[in-house]
């Protein structure tokens, strides 16, 4: 360790629980991974269907694509199940505007002491 307590605020770690299958019928959130063409406005065009269908995005972050400098995958969490009509329509429109789009799953939101920690 080179130094301790170098952060300028609280440090949070996100844990992901995996299951053999998702639970869309109980889904309160849906997670996807996607990529867009490397051109002006492509991320805007990807996100626009979510706004027009009233789907609230809770988190979006990018990670570099291995072996493709300056190209990124986007991980997006949204409110609602992929079975919800508005979510399904937004996902379909976003899929048409992306290089690929994969639904990672729909799942219930964690509640209770662990969620508040």
N, C-alpha and C. Protein backbone atom coordinates (compact mmCIF):
# COMPACT_ATOMS: atom_id res chain seq x y z
N UNK A 1 0.85 -1.17 0.00
CA UNK A 1 0.00 0.00 0.00
C UNK A 1 0.90 1.23 0.00
N UNK A 2 0.64 2.14 -0.92
CA UNK A 2 1.44 3.36 -1.02
C UNK A 2 0.93 4.46 -0.10
N UNK A 3 -0.40 4.56 0.06
CA UNK A 3 -0.97 5.61 0.90
C UNK A 3 -2.35 5.17 1.36
N UNK A 4 -2.76 5.69 2.51
CA UNK A 4 -4.08 5.38 3.05
C UNK A 4 -4.95 6.63 3.03
N UNK A 5 -6.27 6.44 2.98
CA UNK A 5 -7.25 7.52 3.09
C UNK A 5 -7.01 8.64 2.08
N UNK A 6 -6.81 8.28 0.82
CA UNK A 6 -6.57 9.28 -0.21
C UNK A 6 -7.85 9.76 -0.89
N UNK A 7 -8.98 9.08 -0.61
CA UNK A 7 -10.24 9.47 -1.24
C UNK A 7 -10.72 10.81 -0.69
N UNK A 8 -11.48 11.53 -1.50
CA UNK A 8 -12.02 12.82 -1.07
C UNK A 8 -13.48 12.72 -0.63
N UNK A 9 -14.01 11.53 -0.53
CA UNK A 9 -15.37 11.30 -0.08
C UNK A 9 -15.55 9.83 0.23
N UNK A 10 -16.78 9.44 0.58
CA UNK A 10 -17.01 8.03 0.89
C UNK A 10 -16.73 7.14 -0.32
N UNK A 11 -16.19 5.98 -0.05
CA UNK A 11 -15.88 5.03 -1.10
C UNK A 11 -16.90 3.90 -1.03
N UNK A 12 -17.62 3.65 -2.13
CA UNK A 12 -18.64 2.63 -2.17
C UNK A 12 -18.25 1.54 -3.15
N UNK A 13 -18.54 0.32 -2.79
CA UNK A 13 -18.32 -0.82 -3.67
C UNK A 13 -19.68 -1.38 -4.05
N UNK A 14 -19.86 -1.67 -5.33
CA UNK A 14 -21.12 -2.23 -5.81
C UNK A 14 -20.93 -3.72 -6.01
N UNK A 15 -21.83 -4.51 -5.43
CA UNK A 15 -21.80 -5.95 -5.59
C UNK A 15 -22.98 -6.36 -6.45
N UNK A 16 -22.77 -7.34 -7.27
CA UNK A 16 -23.82 -7.83 -8.15
C UNK A 16 -24.10 -9.29 -7.78
N UNK A 17 -25.36 -9.60 -7.56
CA UNK A 17 -25.75 -10.98 -7.28
C UNK A 17 -26.23 -11.62 -8.58
N UNK A 18 -25.68 -12.75 -8.90
CA UNK A 18 -26.03 -13.44 -10.13
C UNK A 18 -26.95 -14.61 -9.83
N UNK A 19 -27.84 -14.90 -10.75
CA UNK A 19 -28.75 -16.03 -10.61
C UNK A 19 -28.73 -16.81 -11.91
N UNK A 20 -29.22 -18.05 -11.87
CA UNK A 20 -29.27 -18.86 -13.07
C UNK A 20 -30.24 -18.29 -14.08
N UNK A 21 -31.28 -17.65 -13.59
CA UNK A 21 -32.23 -16.99 -14.49
C UNK A 21 -32.75 -15.74 -13.81
N UNK A 22 -33.13 -14.78 -14.63
CA UNK A 22 -33.64 -13.54 -14.05
C UNK A 22 -35.11 -13.71 -13.67
N UNK A 23 -35.67 -12.69 -13.08
CA UNK A 23 -37.05 -12.74 -12.59
C UNK A 23 -37.84 -11.56 -13.15
N UNK A 24 -38.11 -11.56 -14.46
CA UNK A 24 -38.76 -10.39 -15.05
C UNK A 24 -40.15 -10.12 -14.49
N UNK A 25 -40.85 -11.17 -14.05
CA UNK A 25 -42.19 -10.96 -13.50
C UNK A 25 -42.12 -10.22 -12.17
N UNK A 26 -41.00 -10.26 -11.47
CA UNK A 26 -40.81 -9.53 -10.22
C UNK A 26 -39.90 -8.33 -10.43
N UNK A 27 -39.55 -8.06 -11.67
CA UNK A 27 -38.55 -7.06 -11.98
C UNK A 27 -38.96 -5.63 -11.65
N UNK A 28 -38.11 -4.97 -10.91
CA UNK A 28 -38.26 -3.55 -10.65
C UNK A 28 -37.15 -2.76 -11.34
N UNK A 29 -36.11 -3.49 -11.73
CA UNK A 29 -34.98 -2.90 -12.45
C UNK A 29 -34.57 -3.85 -13.55
N UNK A 30 -33.98 -3.27 -14.60
CA UNK A 30 -33.44 -4.05 -15.71
C UNK A 30 -32.05 -3.52 -16.01
N UNK A 31 -31.12 -4.42 -16.30
CA UNK A 31 -29.75 -4.05 -16.65
C UNK A 31 -29.45 -4.52 -18.07
N UNK A 32 -28.74 -3.68 -18.81
CA UNK A 32 -28.35 -4.01 -20.18
C UNK A 32 -26.88 -3.67 -20.40
N UNK A 33 -26.30 -4.25 -21.45
CA UNK A 33 -25.00 -3.85 -21.96
C UNK A 33 -25.20 -3.56 -23.43
N UNK A 34 -24.55 -2.51 -23.92
CA UNK A 34 -24.73 -2.10 -25.30
C UNK A 34 -23.50 -1.34 -25.79
N UNK A 35 -23.42 -1.11 -27.07
CA UNK A 35 -22.37 -0.29 -27.67
C UNK A 35 -22.99 0.48 -28.82
N UNK A 36 -22.40 1.63 -29.12
CA UNK A 36 -22.90 2.48 -30.19
C UNK A 36 -21.77 2.79 -31.17
N UNK A 37 -22.11 3.19 -32.39
CA UNK A 37 -21.08 3.57 -33.35
C UNK A 37 -20.27 4.76 -32.81
N UNK A 38 -19.02 4.84 -33.19
CA UNK A 38 -18.14 5.93 -32.78
C UNK A 38 -18.36 7.13 -33.70
N UNK A 39 -19.46 7.84 -33.44
CA UNK A 39 -19.80 9.01 -34.24
C UNK A 39 -20.60 9.99 -33.40
N UNK A 40 -20.56 11.27 -33.74
CA UNK A 40 -21.27 12.29 -32.95
C UNK A 40 -22.77 11.98 -32.84
N UNK A 41 -23.29 12.07 -31.61
CA UNK A 41 -24.72 11.91 -31.38
C UNK A 41 -25.19 10.49 -31.17
N UNK A 42 -24.31 9.50 -31.31
CA UNK A 42 -24.78 8.11 -31.22
C UNK A 42 -25.25 7.75 -29.80
N UNK A 43 -24.58 8.25 -28.77
CA UNK A 43 -25.04 7.96 -27.41
C UNK A 43 -26.37 8.67 -27.13
N UNK A 44 -26.51 9.89 -27.62
CA UNK A 44 -27.79 10.60 -27.49
C UNK A 44 -28.92 9.80 -28.16
N UNK A 45 -28.68 9.34 -29.38
CA UNK A 45 -29.71 8.58 -30.10
C UNK A 45 -30.07 7.28 -29.36
N UNK A 46 -29.08 6.65 -28.72
CA UNK A 46 -29.34 5.44 -27.95
C UNK A 46 -30.24 5.73 -26.75
N UNK A 47 -30.00 6.83 -26.06
CA UNK A 47 -30.71 7.14 -24.83
C UNK A 47 -32.08 7.77 -25.06
N UNK A 48 -32.30 8.38 -26.20
CA UNK A 48 -33.54 9.10 -26.48
C UNK A 48 -34.80 8.25 -26.32
N UNK A 49 -34.84 6.98 -26.77
CA UNK A 49 -36.06 6.19 -26.59
C UNK A 49 -36.46 5.99 -25.13
N UNK A 50 -35.49 5.92 -24.24
CA UNK A 50 -35.82 5.76 -22.82
C UNK A 50 -36.56 6.99 -22.31
N UNK A 51 -36.10 8.16 -22.70
CA UNK A 51 -36.78 9.40 -22.29
C UNK A 51 -38.17 9.49 -22.91
N UNK A 52 -38.28 9.19 -24.19
CA UNK A 52 -39.58 9.34 -24.86
C UNK A 52 -40.62 8.32 -24.35
N UNK A 53 -40.16 7.19 -23.82
CA UNK A 53 -41.09 6.19 -23.27
C UNK A 53 -41.23 6.30 -21.75
N UNK A 54 -40.60 7.30 -21.15
CA UNK A 54 -40.74 7.52 -19.72
C UNK A 54 -40.03 6.49 -18.85
N UNK A 55 -38.92 5.95 -19.35
CA UNK A 55 -38.15 4.97 -18.58
C UNK A 55 -37.02 5.71 -17.87
N UNK A 56 -37.00 5.61 -16.54
CA UNK A 56 -36.01 6.30 -15.75
C UNK A 56 -34.72 5.49 -15.70
N UNK A 57 -33.62 6.06 -16.19
CA UNK A 57 -32.32 5.41 -16.13
C UNK A 57 -31.70 5.71 -14.77
N UNK A 58 -31.29 4.68 -14.08
CA UNK A 58 -30.74 4.82 -12.73
C UNK A 58 -29.21 4.89 -12.73
N UNK A 59 -28.56 4.32 -13.74
CA UNK A 59 -27.11 4.30 -13.77
C UNK A 59 -26.65 4.02 -15.20
N UNK A 60 -25.59 4.70 -15.60
CA UNK A 60 -24.95 4.41 -16.87
C UNK A 60 -23.44 4.61 -16.70
N UNK A 61 -22.68 3.63 -17.13
CA UNK A 61 -21.24 3.82 -17.12
C UNK A 61 -20.63 3.09 -18.30
N UNK A 62 -19.44 3.53 -18.68
CA UNK A 62 -18.77 2.96 -19.84
C UNK A 62 -17.52 2.21 -19.39
N UNK A 63 -17.21 1.18 -20.14
CA UNK A 63 -15.99 0.40 -19.92
C UNK A 63 -15.35 0.19 -21.28
N UNK A 64 -14.03 0.32 -21.38
CA UNK A 64 -13.36 0.13 -22.67
C UNK A 64 -13.54 -1.29 -23.20
N UNK A 65 -13.63 -1.40 -24.51
CA UNK A 65 -13.70 -2.70 -25.16
C UNK A 65 -12.27 -3.19 -25.38
N UNK A 66 -11.97 -4.35 -24.83
CA UNK A 66 -10.62 -4.90 -24.92
C UNK A 66 -10.20 -5.06 -26.38
N UNK A 67 -9.03 -4.54 -26.71
CA UNK A 67 -8.50 -4.67 -28.06
C UNK A 67 -9.03 -3.64 -29.05
N UNK A 68 -9.90 -2.72 -28.59
CA UNK A 68 -10.44 -1.68 -29.47
C UNK A 68 -10.26 -0.32 -28.78
N UNK A 69 -9.10 0.27 -28.92
CA UNK A 69 -8.87 1.56 -28.26
C UNK A 69 -9.95 2.60 -28.62
N UNK A 70 -10.40 3.31 -27.62
CA UNK A 70 -11.37 4.39 -27.76
C UNK A 70 -12.77 3.92 -28.15
N UNK A 71 -13.07 2.65 -27.94
CA UNK A 71 -14.41 2.11 -28.13
C UNK A 71 -14.89 1.56 -26.78
N UNK A 72 -16.19 1.73 -26.52
CA UNK A 72 -16.70 1.44 -25.18
C UNK A 72 -18.00 0.65 -25.21
N UNK A 73 -18.18 -0.20 -24.21
CA UNK A 73 -19.47 -0.81 -23.89
C UNK A 73 -20.12 0.06 -22.83
N UNK A 74 -21.42 0.19 -22.90
CA UNK A 74 -22.17 0.95 -21.91
C UNK A 74 -23.04 -0.01 -21.12
N UNK A 75 -22.96 0.10 -19.82
CA UNK A 75 -23.79 -0.67 -18.89
C UNK A 75 -24.84 0.29 -18.36
N UNK A 76 -26.11 -0.09 -18.47
CA UNK A 76 -27.21 0.80 -18.11
C UNK A 76 -28.19 0.04 -17.23
N UNK A 77 -28.57 0.66 -16.12
CA UNK A 77 -29.64 0.16 -15.25
C UNK A 77 -30.82 1.08 -15.37
N UNK A 78 -32.02 0.52 -15.42
CA UNK A 78 -33.24 1.32 -15.56
C UNK A 78 -34.33 0.79 -14.65
N UNK A 79 -35.29 1.64 -14.34
CA UNK A 79 -36.45 1.22 -13.56
C UNK A 79 -37.38 0.43 -14.45
N UNK A 80 -37.96 -0.63 -13.90
CA UNK A 80 -38.96 -1.41 -14.62
C UNK A 80 -38.43 -2.74 -15.11
N UNK A 81 -39.34 -3.65 -15.39
CA UNK A 81 -39.03 -4.96 -15.93
C UNK A 81 -39.01 -4.91 -17.45
N UNK A 82 -38.24 -5.79 -18.05
CA UNK A 82 -38.24 -5.86 -19.52
C UNK A 82 -39.59 -6.30 -20.06
N UNK A 83 -40.46 -6.82 -19.19
CA UNK A 83 -41.81 -7.20 -19.59
C UNK A 83 -42.77 -6.01 -19.62
N UNK A 84 -42.40 -4.89 -18.97
CA UNK A 84 -43.24 -3.69 -19.00
C UNK A 84 -43.27 -3.15 -20.42
N UNK A 85 -44.43 -2.78 -20.89
CA UNK A 85 -44.57 -2.33 -22.27
C UNK A 85 -43.65 -1.16 -22.60
N UNK A 86 -43.60 -0.16 -21.73
CA UNK A 86 -42.77 1.02 -22.03
C UNK A 86 -41.29 0.67 -22.06
N UNK A 87 -40.84 -0.24 -21.17
CA UNK A 87 -39.44 -0.67 -21.16
C UNK A 87 -39.14 -1.48 -22.42
N UNK A 88 -40.02 -2.41 -22.76
CA UNK A 88 -39.82 -3.25 -23.94
C UNK A 88 -39.73 -2.41 -25.22
N UNK A 89 -40.60 -1.41 -25.34
CA UNK A 89 -40.57 -0.54 -26.52
C UNK A 89 -39.29 0.28 -26.57
N UNK A 90 -38.87 0.82 -25.43
CA UNK A 90 -37.63 1.60 -25.39
C UNK A 90 -36.43 0.72 -25.74
N UNK A 91 -36.40 -0.50 -25.21
CA UNK A 91 -35.29 -1.41 -25.51
C UNK A 91 -35.24 -1.75 -26.99
N UNK A 92 -36.39 -1.99 -27.61
CA UNK A 92 -36.42 -2.32 -29.03
C UNK A 92 -35.90 -1.16 -29.87
N UNK A 93 -36.34 0.05 -29.56
CA UNK A 93 -35.85 1.22 -30.31
C UNK A 93 -34.36 1.43 -30.09
N UNK A 94 -33.90 1.26 -28.85
CA UNK A 94 -32.48 1.43 -28.56
C UNK A 94 -31.66 0.37 -29.28
N UNK A 95 -32.18 -0.85 -29.35
CA UNK A 95 -31.48 -1.95 -30.04
C UNK A 95 -31.24 -1.58 -31.51
N UNK A 96 -32.23 -0.96 -32.14
CA UNK A 96 -32.11 -0.57 -33.55
C UNK A 96 -31.06 0.52 -33.76
N UNK A 97 -30.73 1.26 -32.69
CA UNK A 97 -29.79 2.38 -32.78
C UNK A 97 -28.40 2.01 -32.28
N UNK A 98 -28.21 0.76 -31.88
CA UNK A 98 -26.94 0.36 -31.29
C UNK A 98 -26.24 -0.67 -32.17
N UNK A 99 -24.97 -0.92 -31.86
CA UNK A 99 -24.24 -1.99 -32.54
C UNK A 99 -24.72 -3.34 -32.03
N UNK A 100 -25.04 -3.41 -30.76
CA UNK A 100 -25.67 -4.57 -30.14
C UNK A 100 -26.28 -4.11 -28.83
N UNK A 101 -27.24 -4.86 -28.33
CA UNK A 101 -27.85 -4.58 -27.04
C UNK A 101 -28.25 -5.91 -26.44
N UNK A 102 -27.76 -6.19 -25.25
CA UNK A 102 -28.09 -7.44 -24.56
C UNK A 102 -28.72 -7.11 -23.21
N UNK A 103 -29.88 -7.68 -22.96
CA UNK A 103 -30.52 -7.53 -21.65
C UNK A 103 -29.84 -8.51 -20.71
N UNK A 104 -29.25 -8.00 -19.64
CA UNK A 104 -28.58 -8.86 -18.67
C UNK A 104 -29.59 -9.48 -17.70
N UNK A 105 -30.72 -8.78 -17.48
CA UNK A 105 -31.75 -9.34 -16.63
C UNK A 105 -32.63 -8.28 -16.01
N UNK A 106 -33.77 -8.73 -15.51
CA UNK A 106 -34.69 -7.90 -14.73
C UNK A 106 -34.78 -8.55 -13.36
N UNK A 107 -34.85 -7.72 -12.33
CA UNK A 107 -34.73 -8.24 -10.97
C UNK A 107 -35.40 -7.31 -9.97
N UNK A 108 -35.76 -7.86 -8.79
CA UNK A 108 -36.31 -7.01 -7.74
C UNK A 108 -35.20 -6.15 -7.12
N UNK A 109 -35.58 -5.04 -6.53
CA UNK A 109 -34.62 -4.14 -5.87
C UNK A 109 -34.41 -4.63 -4.44
N UNK A 110 -33.16 -4.66 -4.02
CA UNK A 110 -32.82 -5.08 -2.66
C UNK A 110 -33.34 -4.05 -1.67
N UNK A 111 -34.00 -4.51 -0.63
CA UNK A 111 -34.50 -3.64 0.43
C UNK A 111 -34.03 -4.19 1.77
N UNK A 112 -34.04 -3.35 2.77
CA UNK A 112 -33.67 -3.80 4.11
C UNK A 112 -32.31 -3.29 4.52
N UNK A 113 -31.76 -3.86 5.58
CA UNK A 113 -30.50 -3.35 6.14
C UNK A 113 -29.33 -3.37 5.17
N UNK A 114 -29.23 -4.40 4.33
CA UNK A 114 -28.12 -4.46 3.39
C UNK A 114 -28.21 -3.36 2.35
N UNK A 115 -29.42 -3.01 1.93
CA UNK A 115 -29.59 -1.97 0.92
C UNK A 115 -29.26 -0.60 1.48
N UNK A 116 -29.41 -0.42 2.77
CA UNK A 116 -29.17 0.88 3.39
C UNK A 116 -27.73 1.03 3.86
N UNK A 117 -26.96 -0.05 3.83
CA UNK A 117 -25.59 0.01 4.33
C UNK A 117 -24.70 0.81 3.42
